[in-house]
Structure formats: structure tokens, C-alpha cells
């Protein structure tokens, strides 16, 4: 999650970050929000002492709105045996996934 939200590559996306997001949510792996907040504060990417679940989801949705899904697909397609699986990757799809994200 930290890499997906705060990776320093402004002009390049990493498709594996998005693949991991999908994989963790589909597997039902819960986010440990306090751990994420500590990591983000430690890296200097989050300055506030707290981070609510609502704010975290807002950050994810903002990232979804800002990223190029064409670029994500181009970055990861060479690793996916059935590239048709990526046809559903879109802002709507990932926003629906974020709604399913569990929090510890």
C-alpha cells in the first residue's frame, strides 16, 4: 500500500503495485492501518499523527483517479499469461475493490 500511494516515480507507474492491491483485497488480507501510518510517517510521506480509515480510502481513491490505467497495463502485461484478465482494470473496478478492503 505504501509503494502504491507514495512511490516517488512521478512519471512512471508500477503495475505490480496495482496487481498486489488486487491480490491482497481478493484474498481478504486485512490492512493494518496503524502499521501503514507508521511506515508512511517514517518515510516522511504522511505528516499527520493519525490516519483514519476514511482518509486512507480517500487517498487510494485519489490515486485511482490520478493514475493512467493504460500505463499500468503496459507495465504489467508481460507478466500476465492471460492478458484478458486485465480488461476489467479501470478506475471503477479498483474503486469497487477499495470498498472491499478490510482493516484490522
PDB file of N, CA and C in Angstrom:
ATOM      1  N   UNK A   1       0.820  -1.189   0.000  1.00  0.00           N
ATOM      2  CA  UNK A   1       0.000   0.000   0.000  1.00  0.00           C
ATOM      3  C   UNK A   1       0.866   1.256   0.000  1.00  0.00           C
ATOM      4  N   UNK A   2       1.942   1.202   0.798  1.00  0.00           N
ATOM      5  CA  UNK A   2       2.814   2.372   0.866  1.00  0.00           C
ATOM      6  C   UNK A   2       3.419   2.666  -0.504  1.00  0.00           C
ATOM      7  N   UNK A   3       3.912   1.633  -1.179  1.00  0.00           N
ATOM      8  CA  UNK A   3       4.507   1.832  -2.503  1.00  0.00           C
ATOM      9  C   UNK A   3       3.475   2.367  -3.483  1.00  0.00           C
ATOM     10  N   UNK A   4       2.287   1.819  -3.464  1.00  0.00           N
ATOM     11  CA  UNK A   4       1.250   2.245  -4.394  1.00  0.00           C
ATOM     12  C   UNK A   4       0.909   3.720  -4.187  1.00  0.00           C
ATOM     13  N   UNK A   5       0.783   4.138  -2.948  1.00  0.00           N
ATOM     14  CA  UNK A   5       0.384   5.518  -2.672  1.00  0.00           C
ATOM     15  C   UNK A   5       1.529   6.521  -2.749  1.00  0.00           C
ATOM     16  N   UNK A   6       2.737   6.113  -2.368  1.00  0.00           N
ATOM     17  CA  UNK A   6       3.793   7.104  -2.183  1.00  0.00           C
ATOM     18  C   UNK A   6       5.057   6.865  -3.006  1.00  0.00           C
ATOM     19  N   UNK A   7       5.022   5.957  -3.970  1.00  0.00           N
ATOM     20  CA  UNK A   7       6.203   5.731  -4.799  1.00  0.00           C
ATOM     21  C   UNK A   7       6.629   7.053  -5.429  1.00  0.00           C
ATOM     22  N   UNK A   8       7.911   7.305  -5.456  1.00  0.00           N
ATOM     23  CA  UNK A   8       8.441   8.600  -5.887  1.00  0.00           C
ATOM     24  C   UNK A   8       8.561   8.755  -7.400  1.00  0.00           C
ATOM     25  N   UNK A   9       8.181   7.753  -8.166  1.00  0.00           N
ATOM     26  CA  UNK A   9       8.271   7.850  -9.621  1.00  0.00           C
ATOM     27  C   UNK A   9       7.069   8.618 -10.131  1.00  0.00           C
ATOM     28  N   UNK A  10       7.237   9.879 -10.380  1.00  0.00           N
ATOM     29  CA  UNK A  10       6.090  10.701 -10.765  1.00  0.00           C
ATOM     30  C   UNK A  10       5.581  10.393 -12.176  1.00  0.00           C
ATOM     31  N   UNK A  11       6.468  10.010 -13.076  1.00  0.00           N
ATOM     32  CA  UNK A  11       6.029   9.808 -14.450  1.00  0.00           C
ATOM     33  C   UNK A  11       5.891   8.330 -14.833  1.00  0.00           C
ATOM     34  N   UNK A  12       6.126   7.434 -13.896  1.00  0.00           N
ATOM     35  CA  UNK A  12       6.054   6.006 -14.216  1.00  0.00           C
ATOM     36  C   UNK A  12       5.262   5.274 -13.143  1.00  0.00           C
ATOM     37  N   UNK A  13       4.374   4.419 -13.566  1.00  0.00           N
ATOM     38  CA  UNK A  13       3.628   3.596 -12.620  1.00  0.00           C
ATOM     39  C   UNK A  13       4.260   2.224 -12.557  1.00  0.00           C
ATOM     40  N   UNK A  14       3.993   1.523 -11.495  1.00  0.00           N
ATOM     41  CA  UNK A  14       4.474   0.153 -11.332  1.00  0.00           C
ATOM     42  C   UNK A  14       3.232  -0.735 -11.290  1.00  0.00           C
ATOM     43  N   UNK A  15       3.022  -1.468 -12.357  1.00  0.00           N
ATOM     44  CA  UNK A  15       1.841  -2.315 -12.458  1.00  0.00           C
ATOM     45  C   UNK A  15       1.736  -3.331 -11.347  1.00  0.00           C
ATOM     46  N   UNK A  16       2.885  -3.783 -10.848  1.00  0.00           N
ATOM     47  CA  UNK A  16       2.840  -4.785  -9.775  1.00  0.00           C
ATOM     48  C   UNK A  16       2.241  -4.217  -8.487  1.00  0.00           C
ATOM     49  N   UNK A  17       2.342  -2.910  -8.264  1.00  0.00           N
ATOM     50  CA  UNK A  17       1.684  -2.309  -7.095  1.00  0.00           C
ATOM     51  C   UNK A  17       0.176  -2.511  -7.178  1.00  0.00           C
ATOM     52  N   UNK A  18      -0.355  -2.333  -8.371  1.00  0.00           N
ATOM     53  CA  UNK A  18      -1.797  -2.472  -8.578  1.00  0.00           C
ATOM     54  C   UNK A  18      -2.220  -3.940  -8.579  1.00  0.00           C
ATOM     55  N   UNK A  19      -1.379  -4.798  -9.113  1.00  0.00           N
ATOM     56  CA  UNK A  19      -1.637  -6.237  -9.061  1.00  0.00           C
ATOM     57  C   UNK A  19      -1.678  -6.691  -7.604  1.00  0.00           C
ATOM     58  N   UNK A  20      -0.723  -6.207  -6.802  1.00  0.00           N
ATOM     59  CA  UNK A  20      -0.686  -6.573  -5.383  1.00  0.00           C
ATOM     60  C   UNK A  20      -1.928  -6.083  -4.651  1.00  0.00           C
ATOM     61  N   UNK A  21      -2.352  -4.856  -4.940  1.00  0.00           N
ATOM     62  CA  UNK A  21      -3.564  -4.332  -4.316  1.00  0.00           C
ATOM     63  C   UNK A  21      -4.737  -5.253  -4.603  1.00  0.00           C
ATOM     64  N   UNK A  22      -4.902  -5.605  -5.867  1.00  0.00           N
ATOM     65  CA  UNK A  22      -5.995  -6.507  -6.246  1.00  0.00           C
ATOM     66  C   UNK A  22      -5.864  -7.854  -5.531  1.00  0.00           C
ATOM     67  N   UNK A  23      -4.666  -8.432  -5.513  1.00  0.00           N
ATOM     68  CA  UNK A  23      -4.446  -9.745  -4.926  1.00  0.00           C
ATOM     69  C   UNK A  23      -4.776  -9.742  -3.435  1.00  0.00           C
ATOM     70  N   UNK A  24      -4.257  -8.768  -2.705  1.00  0.00           N
ATOM     71  CA  UNK A  24      -4.499  -8.718  -1.257  1.00  0.00           C
ATOM     72  C   UNK A  24      -5.987  -8.557  -0.937  1.00  0.00           C
ATOM     73  N   UNK A  25      -6.648  -7.683  -1.658  1.00  0.00           N
ATOM     74  CA  UNK A  25      -8.072  -7.474  -1.385  1.00  0.00           C
ATOM     75  C   UNK A  25      -8.869  -8.723  -1.733  1.00  0.00           C
ATOM     76  N   UNK A  26      -8.608  -9.330  -2.882  1.00  0.00           N
ATOM     77  CA  UNK A  26      -9.343 -10.539  -3.270  1.00  0.00           C
ATOM     78  C   UNK A  26      -9.091 -11.697  -2.306  1.00  0.00           C
ATOM     79  N   UNK A  27      -7.905 -11.760  -1.716  1.00  0.00           N
ATOM     80  CA  UNK A  27      -7.585 -12.819  -0.758  1.00  0.00           C
ATOM     81  C   UNK A  27      -8.111 -12.506   0.641  1.00  0.00           C
ATOM     82  N   UNK A  28      -8.645 -11.321   0.837  1.00  0.00           N
ATOM     83  CA  UNK A  28      -9.204 -10.948   2.131  1.00  0.00           C
ATOM     84  C   UNK A  28      -8.165 -10.568   3.173  1.00  0.00           C
ATOM     85  N   UNK A  29      -6.964 -10.232   2.719  1.00  0.00           N
ATOM     86  CA  UNK A  29      -5.906  -9.822   3.648  1.00  0.00           C
ATOM     87  C   UNK A  29      -6.244  -8.426   4.161  1.00  0.00           C
ATOM     88  N   UNK A  30      -6.311  -8.304   5.470  1.00  0.00           N
ATOM     89  CA  UNK A  30      -6.681  -7.025   6.078  1.00  0.00           C
ATOM     90  C   UNK A  30      -5.484  -6.081   6.156  1.00  0.00           C
ATOM     91  N   UNK A  31      -5.758  -4.813   5.956  1.00  0.00           N
ATOM     92  CA  UNK A  31      -4.752  -3.770   6.101  1.00  0.00           C
ATOM     93  C   UNK A  31      -4.572  -3.461   7.581  1.00  0.00           C
ATOM     94  N   UNK A  32      -3.351  -3.387   8.019  1.00  0.00           N
ATOM     95  CA  UNK A  32      -3.059  -2.947   9.385  1.00  0.00           C
ATOM     96  C   UNK A  32      -2.755  -1.457   9.289  1.00  0.00           C
ATOM     97  N   UNK A  33      -3.787  -0.648   9.475  1.00  0.00           N
ATOM     98  CA  UNK A  33      -3.702   0.786   9.234  1.00  0.00           C
ATOM     99  C   UNK A  33      -2.649   1.473  10.098  1.00  0.00           C
ATOM    100  N   UNK A  34      -2.514   1.049  11.354  1.00  0.00           N
ATOM    101  CA  UNK A  34      -1.501   1.671  12.218  1.00  0.00           C
ATOM    102  C   UNK A  34      -0.092   1.406  11.691  1.00  0.00           C
ATOM    103  N   UNK A  35       0.151   0.202  11.208  1.00  0.00           N
ATOM    104  CA  UNK A  35       1.459  -0.118  10.631  1.00  0.00           C
ATOM    105  C   UNK A  35       1.711   0.732   9.378  1.00  0.00           C
ATOM    106  N   UNK A  36       0.703   0.838   8.532  1.00  0.00           N
ATOM    107  CA  UNK A  36       0.831   1.666   7.340  1.00  0.00           C
ATOM    108  C   UNK A  36       1.145   3.114   7.721  1.00  0.00           C
ATOM    109  N   UNK A  37       0.416   3.642   8.691  1.00  0.00           N
ATOM    110  CA  UNK A  37       0.634   5.028   9.132  1.00  0.00           C
ATOM    111  C   UNK A  37       2.055   5.212   9.650  1.00  0.00           C
ATOM    112  N   UNK A  38       2.552   4.267  10.456  1.00  0.00           N
ATOM    113  CA  UNK A  38       3.920   4.370  10.980  1.00  0.00           C
ATOM    114  C   UNK A  38       4.940   4.336   9.844  1.00  0.00           C
ATOM    115  N   UNK A  39       4.723   3.468   8.863  1.00  0.00           N
ATOM    116  CA  UNK A  39       5.624   3.388   7.708  1.00  0.00           C
ATOM    117  C   UNK A  39       5.608   4.707   6.927  1.00  0.00           C
ATOM    118  N   UNK A  40       4.423   5.234   6.699  1.00  0.00           N
ATOM    119  CA  UNK A  40       4.282   6.475   5.940  1.00  0.00           C
ATOM    120  C   UNK A  40       4.875   7.667   6.702  1.00  0.00           C
ATOM    121  N   UNK A  41       4.720   7.684   8.006  1.00  0.00           N
ATOM    122  CA  UNK A  41       5.337   8.760   8.806  1.00  0.00           C
ATOM    123  C   UNK A  41       6.854   8.612   8.806  1.00  0.00           C
ATOM    124  N   UNK A  42       7.327   7.387   8.930  1.00  0.00           N
ATOM    125  CA  UNK A  42       8.762   7.136   8.949  1.00  0.00           C
ATOM    126  C   UNK A  42       9.447   7.522   7.652  1.00  0.00           C
ATOM    127  N   UNK A  43       8.742   7.389   6.543  1.00  0.00           N
ATOM    128  CA  UNK A  43       9.304   7.748   5.240  1.00  0.00           C
ATOM    129  C   UNK A  43       9.123   9.230   4.927  1.00  0.00           C
ATOM    130  N   UNK A  44       8.349   9.914   5.776  1.00  0.00           N
ATOM    131  CA  UNK A  44       8.087  11.332   5.543  1.00  0.00           C
ATOM    132  C   UNK A  44       6.941  11.591   4.582  1.00  0.00           C
ATOM    133  N   UNK A  45       6.240  10.542   4.187  1.00  0.00           N
ATOM    134  CA  UNK A  45       5.145  10.691   3.232  1.00  0.00           C
ATOM    135  C   UNK A  45       3.819  11.080   3.880  1.00  0.00           C
ATOM    136  N   UNK A  46       3.713  10.908   5.181  1.00  0.00           N
ATOM    137  CA  UNK A  46       2.499  11.277   5.917  1.00  0.00           C
ATOM    138  C   UNK A  46       2.942  12.052   7.152  1.00  0.00           C
ATOM    139  N   UNK A  47       2.482  13.273   7.277  1.00  0.00           N
ATOM    140  CA  UNK A  47       2.945  14.150   8.355  1.00  0.00           C
ATOM    141  C   UNK A  47       2.028  14.159   9.579  1.00  0.00           C
ATOM    142  N   UNK A  48       0.804  13.735   9.409  1.00  0.00           N
ATOM    143  CA  UNK A  48      -0.186  13.814  10.495  1.00  0.00           C
ATOM    144  C   UNK A  48       0.037  12.702  11.523  1.00  0.00           C
ATOM    145  N   UNK A  49      -0.323  12.956  12.791  1.00  0.00           N
ATOM    146  CA  UNK A  49      -0.145  11.923  13.819  1.00  0.00           C
ATOM    147  C   UNK A  49      -1.143  10.768  13.699  1.00  0.00           C
ATOM    148  N   UNK A  50      -2.250  10.987  13.019  1.00  0.00           N
ATOM    149  CA  UNK A  50      -3.259   9.945  12.864  1.00  0.00           C
ATOM    150  C   UNK A  50      -3.618   9.794  11.393  1.00  0.00           C
ATOM    151  N   UNK A  51      -4.245   8.680  11.085  1.00  0.00           N
ATOM    152  CA  UNK A  51      -4.757   8.429   9.741  1.00  0.00           C
ATOM    153  C   UNK A  51      -5.997   7.567   9.900  1.00  0.00           C
ATOM    154  N   UNK A  52      -7.128   8.135   9.580  1.00  0.00           N
ATOM    155  CA  UNK A  52      -8.382   7.388   9.704  1.00  0.00           C
ATOM    156  C   UNK A  52      -8.554   6.446   8.509  1.00  0.00           C
ATOM    157  N   UNK A  53      -9.397   5.464   8.709  1.00  0.00           N
ATOM    158  CA  UNK A  53      -9.705   4.548   7.613  1.00  0.00           C
ATOM    159  C   UNK A  53     -10.336   5.308   6.449  1.00  0.00           C
ATOM    160  N   UNK A  54     -11.212   6.264   6.767  1.00  0.00           N
ATOM    161  CA  UNK A  54     -11.858   7.055   5.715  1.00  0.00           C
ATOM    162  C   UNK A  54     -10.827   7.853   4.911  1.00  0.00           C
ATOM    163  N   UNK A  55      -9.859   8.446   5.594  1.00  0.00           N
ATOM    164  CA  UNK A  55      -8.826   9.219   4.908  1.00  0.00           C
ATOM    165  C   UNK A  55      -7.947   8.299   4.052  1.00  0.00           C
ATOM    166  N   UNK A  56      -7.619   7.121   4.578  1.00  0.00           N
ATOM    167  CA  UNK A  56      -6.829   6.167   3.808  1.00  0.00           C
ATOM    168  C   UNK A  56      -7.558   5.790   2.522  1.00  0.00           C
ATOM    169  N   UNK A  57      -8.837   5.502   2.621  1.00  0.00           N
ATOM    170  CA  UNK A  57      -9.623   5.147   1.431  1.00  0.00           C
ATOM    171  C   UNK A  57      -9.692   6.321   0.454  1.00  0.00           C
ATOM    172  N   UNK A  58      -9.773   7.523   0.993  1.00  0.00           N
ATOM    173  CA  UNK A  58      -9.760   8.714   0.142  1.00  0.00           C
ATOM    174  C   UNK A  58      -8.431   8.824  -0.621  1.00  0.00           C
ATOM    175  N   UNK A  59      -7.317   8.559   0.066  1.00  0.00           N
ATOM    176  CA  UNK A  59      -6.007   8.577  -0.594  1.00  0.00           C
ATOM    177  C   UNK A  59      -5.956   7.562  -1.735  1.00  0.00           C
ATOM    178  N   UNK A  60      -6.468   6.363  -1.477  1.00  0.00           N
ATOM    179  CA  UNK A  60      -6.494   5.337  -2.522  1.00  0.00           C
ATOM    180  C   UNK A  60      -7.358   5.767  -3.710  1.00  0.00           C
ATOM    181  N   UNK A  61      -8.532   6.291  -3.417  1.00  0.00           N
ATOM    182  CA  UNK A  61      -9.427   6.714  -4.492  1.00  0.00           C
ATOM    183  C   UNK A  61      -8.831   7.879  -5.287  1.00  0.00           C
ATOM    184  N   UNK A  62      -8.144   8.792  -4.604  1.00  0.00           N
ATOM    185  CA  UNK A  62      -7.471   9.896  -5.302  1.00  0.00           C
ATOM    186  C   UNK A  62      -6.374   9.359  -6.224  1.00  0.00           C
ATOM    187  N   UNK A  63      -5.638   8.355  -5.756  1.00  0.00           N
ATOM    188  CA  UNK A  63      -4.588   7.748  -6.579  1.00  0.00           C
ATOM    189  C   UNK A  63      -5.210   7.063  -7.799  1.00  0.00           C
ATOM    190  N   UNK A  64      -6.310   6.377  -7.587  1.00  0.00           N
ATOM    191  CA  UNK A  64      -7.015   5.722  -8.690  1.00  0.00           C
ATOM    192  C   UNK A  64      -7.433   6.751  -9.739  1.00  0.00           C
ATOM    193  N   UNK A  65      -7.921   7.899  -9.287  1.00  0.00           N
ATOM    194  CA  UNK A  65      -8.349   8.950 -10.210  1.00  0.00           C
ATOM    195  C   UNK A  65      -7.170   9.564 -10.973  1.00  0.00           C
ATOM    196  N   UNK A  66      -5.994   9.542 -10.365  1.00  0.00           N
ATOM    197  CA  UNK A  66      -4.844  10.235 -10.950  1.00  0.00           C
ATOM    198  C   UNK A  66      -3.991   9.374 -11.872  1.00  0.00           C
ATOM    199  N   UNK A  67      -4.085   8.066 -11.745  1.00  0.00           N
ATOM    200  CA  UNK A  67      -3.169   7.172 -12.472  1.00  0.00           C
ATOM    201  C   UNK A  67      -3.704   6.843 -13.867  1.00  0.00           C
ATOM    202  N   UNK A  68      -2.787   6.536 -14.759  1.00  0.00           N
ATOM    203  CA  UNK A  68      -3.145   6.102 -16.112  1.00  0.00           C
ATOM    204  C   UNK A  68      -3.254   4.573 -16.129  1.00  0.00           C
ATOM    205  N   UNK A  69      -4.446   4.064 -16.312  1.00  0.00           N
ATOM    206  CA  UNK A  69      -4.611   2.618 -16.353  1.00  0.00           C
ATOM    207  C   UNK A  69      -4.004   2.017 -17.618  1.00  0.00           C
ATOM    208  N   UNK A  70      -3.886   2.799 -18.645  1.00  0.00           N
ATOM    209  CA  UNK A  70      -3.161   2.333 -19.836  1.00  0.00           C
ATOM    210  C   UNK A  70      -1.694   2.075 -19.471  1.00  0.00           C
ATOM    211  N   UNK A  71      -1.091   2.988 -18.719  1.00  0.00           N
ATOM    212  CA  UNK A  71       0.309   2.828 -18.303  1.00  0.00           C
ATOM    213  C   UNK A  71       0.486   1.646 -17.364  1.00  0.00           C
ATOM    214  N   UNK A  72      -0.456   1.456 -16.473  1.00  0.00           N
ATOM    215  CA  UNK A  72      -0.398   0.314 -15.555  1.00  0.00           C
ATOM    216  C   UNK A  72      -0.415  -0.982 -16.366  1.00  0.00           C
ATOM    217  N   UNK A  73      -1.344  -1.062 -17.281  1.00  0.00           N
ATOM    218  CA  UNK A  73      -1.480  -2.261 -18.118  1.00  0.00           C
ATOM    219  C   UNK A  73      -0.202  -2.513 -18.918  1.00  0.00           C
ATOM    220  N   UNK A  74       0.354  -1.481 -19.506  1.00  0.00           N
ATOM    221  CA  UNK A  74       1.578  -1.632 -20.296  1.00  0.00           C
ATOM    222  C   UNK A  74       2.741  -2.118 -19.435  1.00  0.00           C
ATOM    223  N   UNK A  75       2.773  -1.703 -18.182  1.00  0.00           N
ATOM    224  CA  UNK A  75       3.866  -2.101 -17.306  1.00  0.00           C
ATOM    225  C   UNK A  75       3.780  -3.564 -16.878  1.00  0.00           C
ATOM    226  N   UNK A  76       2.582  -4.079 -16.704  1.00  0.00           N
ATOM    227  CA  UNK A  76       2.442  -5.421 -16.117  1.00  0.00           C
ATOM    228  C   UNK A  76       2.069  -6.511 -17.124  1.00  0.00           C
ATOM    229  N   UNK A  77       1.634  -6.137 -18.289  1.00  0.00           N
ATOM    230  CA  UNK A  77       1.077  -7.114 -19.229  1.00  0.00           C
ATOM    231  C   UNK A  77       2.053  -8.244 -19.561  1.00  0.00           C
ATOM    232  N   UNK A  78       3.340  -7.963 -19.583  1.00  0.00           N
ATOM    233  CA  UNK A  78       4.317  -9.001 -19.944  1.00  0.00           C
ATOM    234  C   UNK A  78       4.423 -10.104 -18.881  1.00  0.00           C
ATOM    235  N   UNK A  79       3.889  -9.851 -17.691  1.00  0.00           N
ATOM    236  CA  UNK A  79       3.945 -10.836 -16.610  1.00  0.00           C
ATOM    237  C   UNK A  79       2.643 -11.630 -16.451  1.00  0.00           C
ATOM    238  N   UNK A  80       1.617 -11.260 -17.193  1.00  0.00           N
ATOM    239  CA  UNK A  80       0.304 -11.878 -17.046  1.00  0.00           C
ATOM    240  C   UNK A  80       0.075 -12.834 -18.219  1.00  0.00           C
ATOM    241  N   UNK A  81      -0.009 -14.147 -17.941  1.00  0.00           N
ATOM    242  CA  UNK A  81      -0.176 -15.122 -19.028  1.00  0.00           C
ATOM    243  C   UNK A  81      -1.448 -14.885 -19.860  1.00  0.00           C
ATOM    244  N   UNK A  82      -2.536 -14.500 -19.200  1.00  0.00           N
ATOM    245  CA  UNK A  82      -3.787 -14.233 -19.905  1.00  0.00           C
ATOM    246  C   UNK A  82      -4.086 -12.743 -19.778  1.00  0.00           C
ATOM    247  N   UNK A  83      -3.616 -11.975 -20.751  1.00  0.00           N
ATOM    248  CA  UNK A  83      -3.758 -10.522 -20.658  1.00  0.00           C
ATOM    249  C   UNK A  83      -5.213 -10.069 -20.652  1.00  0.00           C
ATOM    250  N   UNK A  84      -6.119 -10.927 -21.052  1.00  0.00           N
ATOM    251  CA  UNK A  84      -7.545 -10.609 -20.986  1.00  0.00           C
ATOM    252  C   UNK A  84      -8.023 -10.353 -19.566  1.00  0.00           C
ATOM    253  N   UNK A  85      -7.283 -10.896 -18.589  1.00  0.00           N
ATOM    254  CA  UNK A  85      -7.641 -10.655 -17.186  1.00  0.00           C
ATOM    255  C   UNK A  85      -7.530  -9.183 -16.812  1.00  0.00           C
ATOM    256  N   UNK A  86      -6.754  -8.451 -17.572  1.00  0.00           N
ATOM    257  CA  UNK A  86      -6.563  -7.028 -17.291  1.00  0.00           C
ATOM    258  C   UNK A  86      -7.641  -6.147 -17.918  1.00  0.00           C
ATOM    259  N   UNK A  87      -8.510  -6.735 -18.709  1.00  0.00           N
ATOM    260  CA  UNK A  87      -9.542  -5.950 -19.391  1.00  0.00           C
ATOM    261  C   UNK A  87     -10.472  -5.234 -18.411  1.00  0.00           C
ATOM    262  N   UNK A  88     -10.637  -5.779 -17.223  1.00  0.00           N
ATOM    263  CA  UNK A  88     -11.533  -5.153 -16.245  1.00  0.00           C
ATOM    264  C   UNK A  88     -10.839  -4.051 -15.436  1.00  0.00           C
ATOM    265  N   UNK A  89      -9.522  -3.939 -15.551  1.00  0.00           N
ATOM    266  CA  UNK A  89      -8.792  -2.942 -14.777  1.00  0.00           C
ATOM    267  C   UNK A  89      -9.180  -1.540 -15.260  1.00  0.00           C
ATOM    268  N   UNK A  90      -9.811  -0.810 -14.380  1.00  0.00           N
ATOM    269  CA  UNK A  90     -10.290   0.531 -14.677  1.00  0.00           C
ATOM    270  C   UNK A  90     -10.470   1.255 -13.345  1.00  0.00           C
ATOM    271  N   UNK A  91     -10.678   2.564 -13.377  1.00  0.00           N
ATOM    272  CA  UNK A  91     -10.947   3.270 -12.126  1.00  0.00           C
ATOM    273  C   UNK A  91     -12.148   2.688 -11.374  1.00  0.00           C
ATOM    274  N   UNK A  92     -13.202   2.364 -12.093  1.00  0.00           N
ATOM    275  CA  UNK A  92     -14.403   1.809 -11.443  1.00  0.00           C
ATOM    276  C   UNK A  92     -14.087   0.486 -10.753  1.00  0.00           C
ATOM    277  N   UNK A  93     -13.356  -0.387 -11.443  1.00  0.00           N
ATOM    278  CA  UNK A  93     -13.005  -1.685 -10.879  1.00  0.00           C
ATOM    279  C   UNK A  93     -12.194  -1.525  -9.593  1.00  0.00           C
ATOM    280  N   UNK A  94     -11.172  -0.682  -9.612  1.00  0.00           N
ATOM    281  CA  UNK A  94     -10.341  -0.531  -8.427  1.00  0.00           C
ATOM    282  C   UNK A  94     -11.069   0.200  -7.303  1.00  0.00           C
ATOM    283  N   UNK A  95     -11.946   1.117  -7.629  1.00  0.00           N
ATOM    284  CA  UNK A  95     -12.735   1.757  -6.569  1.00  0.00           C
ATOM    285  C   UNK A  95     -13.667   0.736  -5.915  1.00  0.00           C
ATOM    286  N   UNK A  96     -14.211  -0.166  -6.703  1.00  0.00           N
ATOM    287  CA  UNK A  96     -15.030  -1.245  -6.136  1.00  0.00           C
ATOM    288  C   UNK A  96     -14.180  -2.151  -5.242  1.00  0.00           C
ATOM    289  N   UNK A  97     -12.951  -2.437  -5.653  1.00  0.00           N
ATOM    290  CA  UNK A  97     -12.050  -3.235  -4.811  1.00  0.00           C
ATOM    291  C   UNK A  97     -11.776  -2.536  -3.491  1.00  0.00           C
ATOM    292  N   UNK A  98     -11.507  -1.246  -3.542  1.00  0.00           N
ATOM    293  CA  UNK A  98     -11.194  -0.482  -2.326  1.00  0.00           C
ATOM    294  C   UNK A  98     -12.356  -0.561  -1.327  1.00  0.00           C
ATOM    295  N   UNK A  99     -13.573  -0.604  -1.816  1.00  0.00           N
ATOM    296  CA  UNK A  99     -14.735  -0.742  -0.927  1.00  0.00           C
ATOM    297  C   UNK A  99     -14.688  -2.062  -0.158  1.00  0.00           C
ATOM    298  N   UNK A 100     -14.051  -3.090  -0.745  1.00  0.00           N
ATOM    299  CA  UNK A 100     -13.970  -4.415  -0.122  1.00  0.00           C
ATOM    300  C   UNK A 100     -12.753  -4.571   0.803  1.00  0.00           C
ATOM    301  N   UNK A 101     -11.862  -3.586   0.806  1.00  0.00           N
ATOM    302  CA  UNK A 101     -10.644  -3.652   1.615  1.00  0.00           C
ATOM    303  C   UNK A 101     -10.999  -3.748   3.099  1.00  0.00           C
ATOM    304  N   UNK A 102     -10.435  -4.748   3.753  1.00  0.00           N
ATOM    305  CA  UNK A 102     -10.653  -4.942   5.196  1.00  0.00           C
ATOM    306  C   UNK A 102      -9.567  -4.216   5.963  1.00  0.00           C
ATOM    307  N   UNK A 103      -9.917  -3.779   7.157  1.00  0.00           N
ATOM    308  CA  UNK A 103      -8.981  -3.105   8.031  1.00  0.00           C
ATOM    309  C   UNK A 103      -8.929  -3.845   9.367  1.00  0.00           C
ATOM    310  N   UNK A 104      -7.712  -4.074   9.856  1.00  0.00           N
ATOM    311  CA  UNK A 104      -7.578  -4.750  11.162  1.00  0.00           C
ATOM    312  C   UNK A 104      -7.964  -3.838  12.279  1.00  0.00           C
TER     313      UNK A 104
END
